[in-house]
Amino acid sequence: MVGPYPIFGLRPVEVMGDDHWSVIDVTKRYRKGGVPGSEAWVVVSEDHAGNPVGMDANGAIWIYDHDFGGLTGLAPSFEEYLRTQCLTMRS
């Protein structure tokens, strides 16, 4: 977890549960579900509404909002995503 957001990884993390921690498994789940954008990313996180946050081949971070139905760029890099999205407290 970074701030209030999960960051999926390569090994189990107790706080994230037994079945929702693997970047590989979560990415496969979103791709199998046909979530737009997920075919071109590795899903590295989710927001609180369950929208996938992914990193593309260039390292840019994207989110697919299932309510809005669109893709939005969040940050040009994973580091920037962590600093501006995960570690910034919003009121």
PDB file of N, CA and C in Angstrom:
ATOM      1  N   MET A   1       0.850  -1.170   0.000  1.00  0.00           N
ATOM      2  CA  MET A   1       0.000   0.000   0.000  1.00  0.00           C
ATOM      3  C   MET A   1       0.901   1.241   0.000  1.00  0.00           C
ATOM      4  N   VAL A   2       0.522   2.207  -0.806  1.00  0.00           N
ATOM      5  CA  VAL A   2       1.183   3.516  -0.791  1.00  0.00           C
ATOM      6  C   VAL A   2       0.081   4.530  -0.569  1.00  0.00           C
ATOM      7  N   GLY A   3       0.154   5.190   0.585  1.00  0.00           N
ATOM      8  CA  GLY A   3      -0.971   6.033   0.974  1.00  0.00           C
ATOM      9  C   GLY A   3      -2.185   5.127   1.086  1.00  0.00           C
ATOM     10  N   PRO A   4      -3.325   5.543   0.552  1.00  0.00           N
ATOM     11  CA  PRO A   4      -4.525   4.714   0.638  1.00  0.00           C
ATOM     12  C   PRO A   4      -4.711   3.739  -0.533  1.00  0.00           C
ATOM     13  N   TYR A   5      -3.739   3.663  -1.452  1.00  0.00           N
ATOM     14  CA  TYR A   5      -3.913   2.874  -2.672  1.00  0.00           C
ATOM     15  C   TYR A   5      -3.050   1.617  -2.698  1.00  0.00           C
ATOM     16  N   PRO A   6      -3.606   0.532  -3.222  1.00  0.00           N
ATOM     17  CA  PRO A   6      -2.796  -0.681  -3.363  1.00  0.00           C
ATOM     18  C   PRO A   6      -1.833  -0.541  -4.535  1.00  0.00           C
ATOM     19  N   ILE A   7      -0.650  -1.085  -4.364  1.00  0.00           N
ATOM     20  CA  ILE A   7       0.305  -1.214  -5.464  1.00  0.00           C
ATOM     21  C   ILE A   7       0.558  -2.710  -5.582  1.00  0.00           C
ATOM     22  N   PHE A   8       0.125  -3.278  -6.703  1.00  0.00           N
ATOM     23  CA  PHE A   8       0.251  -4.711  -6.889  1.00  0.00           C
ATOM     24  C   PHE A   8       1.706  -5.079  -7.136  1.00  0.00           C
ATOM     25  N   GLY A   9       2.071  -6.267  -6.683  1.00  0.00           N
ATOM     26  CA  GLY A   9       3.466  -6.666  -6.768  1.00  0.00           C
ATOM     27  C   GLY A   9       3.651  -8.102  -7.191  1.00  0.00           C
ATOM     28  N   LEU A  10       4.767  -8.658  -6.761  1.00  0.00           N
ATOM     29  CA  LEU A  10       5.158  -9.998  -7.168  1.00  0.00           C
ATOM     30  C   LEU A  10       5.123 -11.009  -6.033  1.00  0.00           C
ATOM     31  N   ARG A  11       4.735 -10.564  -4.841  1.00  0.00           N
ATOM     32  CA  ARG A  11       4.631 -11.497  -3.720  1.00  0.00           C
ATOM     33  C   ARG A  11       3.449 -11.072  -2.838  1.00  0.00           C
ATOM     34  N   PRO A  12       2.912 -12.005  -2.086  1.00  0.00           N
ATOM     35  CA  PRO A  12       1.753 -11.691  -1.236  1.00  0.00           C
ATOM     36  C   PRO A  12       2.053 -10.619  -0.194  1.00  0.00           C
ATOM     37  N   VAL A  13       1.051  -9.799   0.052  1.00  0.00           N
ATOM     38  CA  VAL A  13       1.116  -8.772   1.085  1.00  0.00           C
ATOM     39  C   VAL A  13      -0.134  -8.946   1.933  1.00  0.00           C
ATOM     40  N   GLU A  14       0.047  -9.181   3.208  1.00  0.00           N
ATOM     41  CA  GLU A  14      -1.061  -9.524   4.095  1.00  0.00           C
ATOM     42  C   GLU A  14      -2.217  -8.530   4.018  1.00  0.00           C
ATOM     43  N   VAL A  15      -1.942  -7.251   4.007  1.00  0.00           N
ATOM     44  CA  VAL A  15      -2.988  -6.236   4.025  1.00  0.00           C
ATOM     45  C   VAL A  15      -3.856  -6.248   2.758  1.00  0.00           C
ATOM     46  N   MET A  16      -3.375  -6.851   1.678  1.00  0.00           N
ATOM     47  CA  MET A  16      -4.101  -6.852   0.418  1.00  0.00           C
ATOM     48  C   MET A  16      -4.894  -8.133   0.183  1.00  0.00           C
ATOM     49  N   GLY A  17      -4.837  -9.075   1.087  1.00  0.00           N
ATOM     50  CA  GLY A  17      -5.602 -10.306   0.921  1.00  0.00           C
ATOM     51  C   GLY A  17      -4.846 -11.343   0.119  1.00  0.00           C
ATOM     52  N   ASP A  18      -5.407 -12.529   0.085  1.00  0.00           N
ATOM     53  CA  ASP A  18      -4.746 -13.661  -0.566  1.00  0.00           C
ATOM     54  C   ASP A  18      -4.882 -13.686  -2.080  1.00  0.00           C
ATOM     55  N   ASP A  19      -5.897 -13.013  -2.626  1.00  0.00           N
ATOM     56  CA  ASP A  19      -6.164 -13.167  -4.047  1.00  0.00           C
ATOM     57  C   ASP A  19      -6.128 -11.859  -4.837  1.00  0.00           C
ATOM     58  N   HIS A  20      -5.600 -10.807  -4.242  1.00  0.00           N
ATOM     59  CA  HIS A  20      -5.625  -9.518  -4.947  1.00  0.00           C
ATOM     60  C   HIS A  20      -4.343  -8.720  -4.699  1.00  0.00           C
ATOM     61  N   TRP A  21      -3.213  -9.366  -4.937  1.00  0.00           N
ATOM     62  CA  TRP A  21      -1.935  -8.709  -4.709  1.00  0.00           C
ATOM     63  C   TRP A  21      -0.989  -8.807  -5.902  1.00  0.00           C
ATOM     64  N   SER A  22      -1.201  -9.809  -6.755  1.00  0.00           N
ATOM     65  CA  SER A  22      -0.276 -10.101  -7.846  1.00  0.00           C
ATOM     66  C   SER A  22      -0.530  -9.213  -9.065  1.00  0.00           C
ATOM     67  N   VAL A  23       0.492  -8.481  -9.468  1.00  0.00           N
ATOM     68  CA  VAL A  23       0.373  -7.645 -10.660  1.00  0.00           C
ATOM     69  C   VAL A  23       0.025  -8.501 -11.882  1.00  0.00           C
ATOM     70  N   ILE A  24       0.523  -9.707 -11.935  1.00  0.00           N
ATOM     71  CA  ILE A  24       0.249 -10.601 -13.066  1.00  0.00           C
ATOM     72  C   ILE A  24      -1.203 -11.066 -13.051  1.00  0.00           C
ATOM     73  N   ASP A  25      -1.680 -11.542 -11.919  1.00  0.00           N
ATOM     74  CA  ASP A  25      -3.055 -12.038 -11.829  1.00  0.00           C
ATOM     75  C   ASP A  25      -4.085 -10.933 -12.016  1.00  0.00           C
ATOM     76  N   VAL A  26      -3.841  -9.780 -11.424  1.00  0.00           N
ATOM     77  CA  VAL A  26      -4.783  -8.666 -11.562  1.00  0.00           C
ATOM     78  C   VAL A  26      -4.828  -8.195 -13.017  1.00  0.00           C
ATOM     79  N   THR A  27      -3.679  -8.102 -13.655  1.00  0.00           N
ATOM     80  CA  THR A  27      -3.633  -7.708 -15.071  1.00  0.00           C
ATOM     81  C   THR A  27      -4.410  -8.708 -15.927  1.00  0.00           C
ATOM     82  N   LYS A  28      -4.193  -9.999 -15.701  1.00  0.00           N
ATOM     83  CA  LYS A  28      -4.926 -11.027 -16.462  1.00  0.00           C
ATOM     84  C   LYS A  28      -6.429 -10.904 -16.253  1.00  0.00           C
ATOM     85  N   ARG A  29      -6.844 -10.639 -15.018  1.00  0.00           N
ATOM     86  CA  ARG A  29      -8.274 -10.508 -14.700  1.00  0.00           C
ATOM     87  C   ARG A  29      -8.909  -9.353 -15.492  1.00  0.00           C
ATOM     88  N   TYR A  30      -8.247  -8.202 -15.519  1.00  0.00           N
ATOM     89  CA  TYR A  30      -8.788  -7.060 -16.262  1.00  0.00           C
ATOM     90  C   TYR A  30      -8.777  -7.312 -17.768  1.00  0.00           C
ATOM     91  N   ARG A  31      -7.725  -7.945 -18.272  1.00  0.00           N
ATOM     92  CA  ARG A  31      -7.673  -8.250 -19.704  1.00  0.00           C
ATOM     93  C   ARG A  31      -8.765  -9.236 -20.084  1.00  0.00           C
ATOM     94  N   LYS A  32      -8.960 -10.270 -19.273  1.00  0.00           N
ATOM     95  CA  LYS A  32     -10.015 -11.255 -19.541  1.00  0.00           C
ATOM     96  C   LYS A  32     -11.394 -10.598 -19.521  1.00  0.00           C
ATOM     97  N   GLY A  33     -11.563  -9.594 -18.663  1.00  0.00           N
ATOM     98  CA  GLY A  33     -12.829  -8.869 -18.585  1.00  0.00           C
ATOM     99  C   GLY A  33     -13.027  -7.863 -19.701  1.00  0.00           C
ATOM    100  N   GLY A  34     -12.024  -7.703 -20.565  1.00  0.00           N
ATOM    101  CA  GLY A  34     -12.142  -6.808 -21.708  1.00  0.00           C
ATOM    102  C   GLY A  34     -12.111  -5.330 -21.359  1.00  0.00           C
ATOM    103  N   VAL A  35     -11.472  -4.990 -20.249  1.00  0.00           N
ATOM    104  CA  VAL A  35     -11.397  -3.587 -19.837  1.00  0.00           C
ATOM    105  C   VAL A  35     -10.522  -2.826 -20.836  1.00  0.00           C
ATOM    106  N   PRO A  36     -11.071  -1.784 -21.475  1.00  0.00           N
ATOM    107  CA  PRO A  36     -10.301  -1.015 -22.451  1.00  0.00           C
ATOM    108  C   PRO A  36      -9.003  -0.479 -21.855  1.00  0.00           C
ATOM    109  N   GLY A  37      -7.937  -0.583 -22.633  1.00  0.00           N
ATOM    110  CA  GLY A  37      -6.625  -0.124 -22.205  1.00  0.00           C
ATOM    111  C   GLY A  37      -5.797  -1.204 -21.550  1.00  0.00           C
ATOM    112  N   SER A  38      -6.448  -2.162 -20.875  1.00  0.00           N
ATOM    113  CA  SER A  38      -5.697  -3.159 -20.111  1.00  0.00           C
ATOM    114  C   SER A  38      -4.856  -4.076 -20.998  1.00  0.00           C
ATOM    115  N   GLU A  39      -5.205  -4.195 -22.260  1.00  0.00           N
ATOM    116  CA  GLU A  39      -4.410  -5.032 -23.156  1.00  0.00           C
ATOM    117  C   GLU A  39      -3.036  -4.426 -23.441  1.00  0.00           C
ATOM    118  N   ALA A  40      -2.878  -3.134 -23.166  1.00  0.00           N
ATOM    119  CA  ALA A  40      -1.620  -2.445 -23.436  1.00  0.00           C
ATOM    120  C   ALA A  40      -0.862  -2.072 -22.165  1.00  0.00           C
ATOM    121  N   TRP A  41      -1.333  -2.511 -21.008  1.00  0.00           N
ATOM    122  CA  TRP A  41      -0.697  -2.143 -19.747  1.00  0.00           C
ATOM    123  C   TRP A  41      -0.397  -3.354 -18.897  1.00  0.00           C
ATOM    124  N   VAL A  42       0.322  -3.038 -17.832  1.00  0.00           N
ATOM    125  CA  VAL A  42       0.420  -3.898 -16.666  1.00  0.00           C
ATOM    126  C   VAL A  42      -0.372  -3.144 -15.597  1.00  0.00           C
ATOM    127  N   VAL A  43      -1.373  -3.779 -15.017  1.00  0.00           N
ATOM    128  CA  VAL A  43      -2.194  -3.114 -14.005  1.00  0.00           C
ATOM    129  C   VAL A  43      -1.412  -3.093 -12.695  1.00  0.00           C
ATOM    130  N   VAL A  44      -1.106  -1.886 -12.227  1.00  0.00           N
ATOM    131  CA  VAL A  44      -0.261  -1.725 -11.047  1.00  0.00           C
ATOM    132  C   VAL A  44      -1.032  -1.294  -9.806  1.00  0.00           C
ATOM    133  N   SER A  45      -2.281  -0.836  -9.977  1.00  0.00           N
ATOM    134  CA  SER A  45      -3.057  -0.345  -8.847  1.00  0.00           C
ATOM    135  C   SER A  45      -4.524  -0.263  -9.236  1.00  0.00           C
ATOM    136  N   GLU A  46      -5.340   0.154  -8.288  1.00  0.00           N
ATOM    137  CA  GLU A  46      -6.764   0.447  -8.515  1.00  0.00           C
ATOM    138  C   GLU A  46      -7.126   1.654  -7.677  1.00  0.00           C
ATOM    139  N   ASP A  47      -8.157   2.379  -8.125  1.00  0.00           N
ATOM    140  CA  ASP A  47      -8.661   3.436  -7.260  1.00  0.00           C
ATOM    141  C   ASP A  47      -9.736   2.844  -6.350  1.00  0.00           C
ATOM    142  N   HIS A  48     -10.348   3.671  -5.530  1.00  0.00           N
ATOM    143  CA  HIS A  48     -11.314   3.173  -4.554  1.00  0.00           C
ATOM    144  C   HIS A  48     -12.626   2.699  -5.182  1.00  0.00           C
ATOM    145  N   ALA A  49     -12.841   3.017  -6.451  1.00  0.00           N
ATOM    146  CA  ALA A  49     -14.041   2.560  -7.156  1.00  0.00           C
ATOM    147  C   ALA A  49     -13.778   1.280  -7.951  1.00  0.00           C
ATOM    148  N   GLY A  50     -12.569   0.731  -7.843  1.00  0.00           N
ATOM    149  CA  GLY A  50     -12.231  -0.488  -8.566  1.00  0.00           C
ATOM    150  C   GLY A  50     -11.790  -0.270  -9.999  1.00  0.00           C
ATOM    151  N   ASN A  51     -11.460   0.967 -10.346  1.00  0.00           N
ATOM    152  CA  ASN A  51     -10.958   1.257 -11.687  1.00  0.00           C
ATOM    153  C   ASN A  51      -9.479   0.894 -11.768  1.00  0.00           C
ATOM    154  N   PRO A  52      -9.073   0.188 -12.838  1.00  0.00           N
ATOM    155  CA  PRO A  52      -7.679  -0.215 -12.948  1.00  0.00           C
ATOM    156  C   PRO A  52      -6.762   0.953 -13.302  1.00  0.00           C
ATOM    157  N   VAL A  53      -5.591   0.934 -12.701  1.00  0.00           N
ATOM    158  CA  VAL A  53      -4.541   1.897 -12.995  1.00  0.00           C
ATOM    159  C   VAL A  53      -3.402   1.087 -13.595  1.00  0.00           C
ATOM    160  N   GLY A  54      -2.995   1.456 -14.809  1.00  0.00           N
ATOM    161  CA  GLY A  54      -1.985   0.662 -15.496  1.00  0.00           C
ATOM    162  C   GLY A  54      -0.822   1.470 -16.001  1.00  0.00           C
ATOM    163  N   MET A  55       0.285   0.762 -16.212  1.00  0.00           N
ATOM    164  CA  MET A  55       1.492   1.370 -16.764  1.00  0.00           C
ATOM    165  C   MET A  55       1.710   0.817 -18.167  1.00  0.00           C
ATOM    166  N   ASP A  56       1.872   1.725 -19.140  1.00  0.00           N
ATOM    167  CA  ASP A  56       2.098   1.289 -20.513  1.00  0.00           C
ATOM    168  C   ASP A  56       3.577   1.015 -20.766  1.00  0.00           C
ATOM    169  N   ALA A  57       3.908   0.618 -21.977  1.00  0.00           N
ATOM    170  CA  ALA A  57       5.282   0.234 -22.326  1.00  0.00           C
ATOM    171  C   ALA A  57       6.276   1.385 -22.203  1.00  0.00           C
ATOM    172  N   ASN A  58       5.779   2.618 -22.235  1.00  0.00           N
ATOM    173  CA  ASN A  58       6.642   3.786 -22.090  1.00  0.00           C
ATOM    174  C   ASN A  58       6.760   4.257 -20.644  1.00  0.00           C
ATOM    175  N   GLY A  59       6.069   3.582 -19.736  1.00  0.00           N
ATOM    176  CA  GLY A  59       6.118   3.940 -18.321  1.00  0.00           C
ATOM    177  C   GLY A  59       5.059   4.925 -17.882  1.00  0.00           C
ATOM    178  N   ALA A  60       4.213   5.396 -18.803  1.00  0.00           N
ATOM    179  CA  ALA A  60       3.140   6.327 -18.449  1.00  0.00           C
ATOM    180  C   ALA A  60       2.031   5.582 -17.703  1.00  0.00           C
ATOM    181  N   ILE A  61       1.351   6.288 -16.815  1.00  0.00           N
ATOM    182  CA  ILE A  61       0.304   5.701 -15.989  1.00  0.00           C
ATOM    183  C   ILE A  61      -1.064   6.187 -16.450  1.00  0.00           C
ATOM    184  N   TRP A  62      -1.982   5.225 -16.606  1.00  0.00           N
ATOM    185  CA  TRP A  62      -3.333   5.472 -17.109  1.00  0.00           C
ATOM    186  C   TRP A  62      -4.361   4.880 -16.158  1.00  0.00           C
ATOM    187  N   ILE A  63      -5.584   5.385 -16.245  1.00  0.00           N
ATOM    188  CA  ILE A  63      -6.699   4.807 -15.515  1.00  0.00           C
ATOM    189  C   ILE A  63      -7.871   4.654 -16.479  1.00  0.00           C
ATOM    190  N   TYR A  64      -8.598   3.559 -16.315  1.00  0.00           N
ATOM    191  CA  TYR A  64      -9.853   3.380 -17.045  1.00  0.00           C
ATOM    192  C   TYR A  64     -10.975   3.549 -16.038  1.00  0.00           C
ATOM    193  N   ASP A  65     -11.813   4.561 -16.251  1.00  0.00           N
ATOM    194  CA  ASP A  65     -12.939   4.834 -15.362  1.00  0.00           C
ATOM    195  C   ASP A  65     -14.177   4.164 -15.929  1.00  0.00           C
ATOM    196  N   HIS A  66     -14.674   3.118 -15.246  1.00  0.00           N
ATOM    197  CA  HIS A  66     -15.813   2.373 -15.769  1.00  0.00           C
ATOM    198  C   HIS A  66     -17.110   3.166 -15.689  1.00  0.00           C
ATOM    199  N   ASP A  67     -17.217   4.157 -14.817  1.00  0.00           N
ATOM    200  CA  ASP A  67     -18.425   4.999 -14.767  1.00  0.00           C
ATOM    201  C   ASP A  67     -18.429   5.995 -15.915  1.00  0.00           C
ATOM    202  N   PHE A  68     -17.311   6.637 -16.149  1.00  0.00           N
ATOM    203  CA  PHE A  68     -17.143   7.613 -17.210  1.00  0.00           C
ATOM    204  C   PHE A  68     -17.014   6.924 -18.568  1.00  0.00           C
ATOM    205  N   GLY A  69     -16.415   5.735 -18.559  1.00  0.00           N
ATOM    206  CA  GLY A  69     -16.219   4.985 -19.792  1.00  0.00           C
ATOM    207  C   GLY A  69     -15.058   5.477 -20.619  1.00  0.00           C
ATOM    208  N   GLY A  70     -14.026   5.982 -19.970  1.00  0.00           N
ATOM    209  CA  GLY A  70     -12.912   6.493 -20.728  1.00  0.00           C
ATOM    210  C   GLY A  70     -11.570   6.290 -20.062  1.00  0.00           C
ATOM    211  N   LEU A  71     -10.540   6.435 -20.881  1.00  0.00           N
ATOM    212  CA  LEU A  71      -9.155   6.356 -20.425  1.00  0.00           C
ATOM    213  C   LEU A  71      -8.646   7.759 -20.133  1.00  0.00           C
ATOM    214  N   THR A  72      -7.878   7.882 -19.072  1.00  0.00           N
ATOM    215  CA  THR A  72      -7.300   9.167 -18.706  1.00  0.00           C
ATOM    216  C   THR A  72      -5.861   8.948 -18.282  1.00  0.00           C
ATOM    217  N   GLY A  73      -4.976   9.788 -18.769  1.00  0.00           N
ATOM    218  CA  GLY A  73      -3.586   9.743 -18.328  1.00  0.00           C
ATOM    219  C   GLY A  73      -3.476  10.347 -16.935  1.00  0.00           C
ATOM    220  N   LEU A  74      -2.773   9.656 -16.043  1.00  0.00           N
ATOM    221  CA  LEU A  74      -2.602  10.156 -14.680  1.00  0.00           C
ATOM    222  C   LEU A  74      -1.222  10.752 -14.438  1.00  0.00           C
ATOM    223  N   ALA A  75      -0.200  10.164 -15.034  1.00  0.00           N
ATOM    224  CA  ALA A  75       1.159  10.618 -14.770  1.00  0.00           C
ATOM    225  C   ALA A  75       2.090  10.099 -15.863  1.00  0.00           C
ATOM    226  N   PRO A  76       3.181  10.822 -16.121  1.00  0.00           N
ATOM    227  CA  PRO A  76       4.128  10.378 -17.146  1.00  0.00           C
ATOM    228  C   PRO A  76       5.030   9.233 -16.703  1.00  0.00           C
ATOM    229  N   SER A  77       5.045   8.939 -15.384  1.00  0.00           N
ATOM    230  CA  SER A  77       5.900   7.870 -14.883  1.00  0.00           C
ATOM    231  C   SER A  77       5.299   7.274 -13.611  1.00  0.00           C
ATOM    232  N   PHE A  78       5.767   6.086 -13.245  1.00  0.00           N
ATOM    233  CA  PHE A  78       5.309   5.428 -12.028  1.00  0.00           C
ATOM    234  C   PHE A  78       5.677   6.258 -10.799  1.00  0.00           C
ATOM    235  N   GLU A  79       6.887   6.787 -10.785  1.00  0.00           N
ATOM    236  CA  GLU A  79       7.320   7.622  -9.662  1.00  0.00           C
ATOM    237  C   GLU A  79       6.408   8.836  -9.495  1.00  0.00           C
ATOM    238  N   GLU A  80       6.084   9.473 -10.594  1.00  0.00           N
ATOM    239  CA  GLU A  80       5.199  10.645 -10.535  1.00  0.00           C
ATOM    240  C   GLU A  80       3.802  10.244 -10.055  1.00  0.00           C
ATOM    241  N   TYR A  81       3.315   9.090 -10.485  1.00  0.00           N
ATOM    242  CA  TYR A  81       2.024   8.584 -10.000  1.00  0.00           C
ATOM    243  C   TYR A  81       2.053   8.417  -8.482  1.00  0.00           C
ATOM    244  N   LEU A  82       3.097   7.805  -7.964  1.00  0.00           N
ATOM    245  CA  LEU A  82       3.206   7.612  -6.519  1.00  0.00           C
ATOM    246  C   LEU A  82       3.203   8.948  -5.782  1.00  0.00           C
ATOM    247  N   ARG A  83       3.988   9.894  -6.285  1.00  0.00           N
ATOM    248  CA  ARG A  83       4.096  11.188  -5.598  1.00  0.00           C
ATOM    249  C   ARG A  83       2.832  12.025  -5.707  1.00  0.00           C
ATOM    250  N   THR A  84       2.199  12.058  -6.873  1.00  0.00           N
ATOM    251  CA  THR A  84       1.071  12.982  -7.069  1.00  0.00           C
ATOM    252  C   THR A  84      -0.291  12.376  -6.772  1.00  0.00           C
ATOM    253  N   GLN A  85      -0.437  11.066  -6.904  1.00  0.00           N
ATOM    254  CA  GLN A  85      -1.730  10.433  -6.686  1.00  0.00           C
ATOM    255  C   GLN A  85      -1.819   9.710  -5.352  1.00  0.00           C
ATOM    256  N   CYS A  86      -0.819   8.933  -5.049  1.00  0.00           N
ATOM    257  CA  CYS A  86      -0.873   8.074  -3.863  1.00  0.00           C
ATOM    258  C   CYS A  86      -0.478   8.790  -2.576  1.00  0.00           C
ATOM    259  N   LEU A  87       0.478   9.672  -2.651  1.00  0.00           N
ATOM    260  CA  LEU A  87       0.989  10.299  -1.438  1.00  0.00           C
ATOM    261  C   LEU A  87       0.434  11.692  -1.171  1.00  0.00           C
ATOM    262  N   THR A  88      -0.426  12.181  -2.066  1.00  0.00           N
ATOM    263  CA  THR A  88      -1.038  13.491  -1.874  1.00  0.00           C
ATOM    264  C   THR A  88      -2.384  13.313  -1.214  1.00  0.00           C
ATOM    265  N   MET A  89      -2.562  13.895  -0.073  1.00  0.00           N
ATOM    266  CA  MET A  89      -3.840  13.794   0.648  1.00  0.00           C
ATOM    267  C   MET A  89      -4.844  14.764   0.023  1.00  0.00           C
ATOM    268  N   ARG A  90      -6.013  14.241  -0.259  1.00  0.00           N
ATOM    269  CA  ARG A  90      -7.084  15.069  -0.828  1.00  0.00           C
ATOM    270  C   ARG A  90      -8.162  15.246   0.223  1.00  0.00           C
ATOM    271  N   SER A  91      -8.772  16.419   0.225  1.00  0.00           N
ATOM    272  CA  SER A  91      -9.868  16.643   1.190  1.00  0.00           C
ATOM    273  C   SER A  91     -11.210  16.413   0.552  1.00  0.00           C
TER     274      SER A  91
END
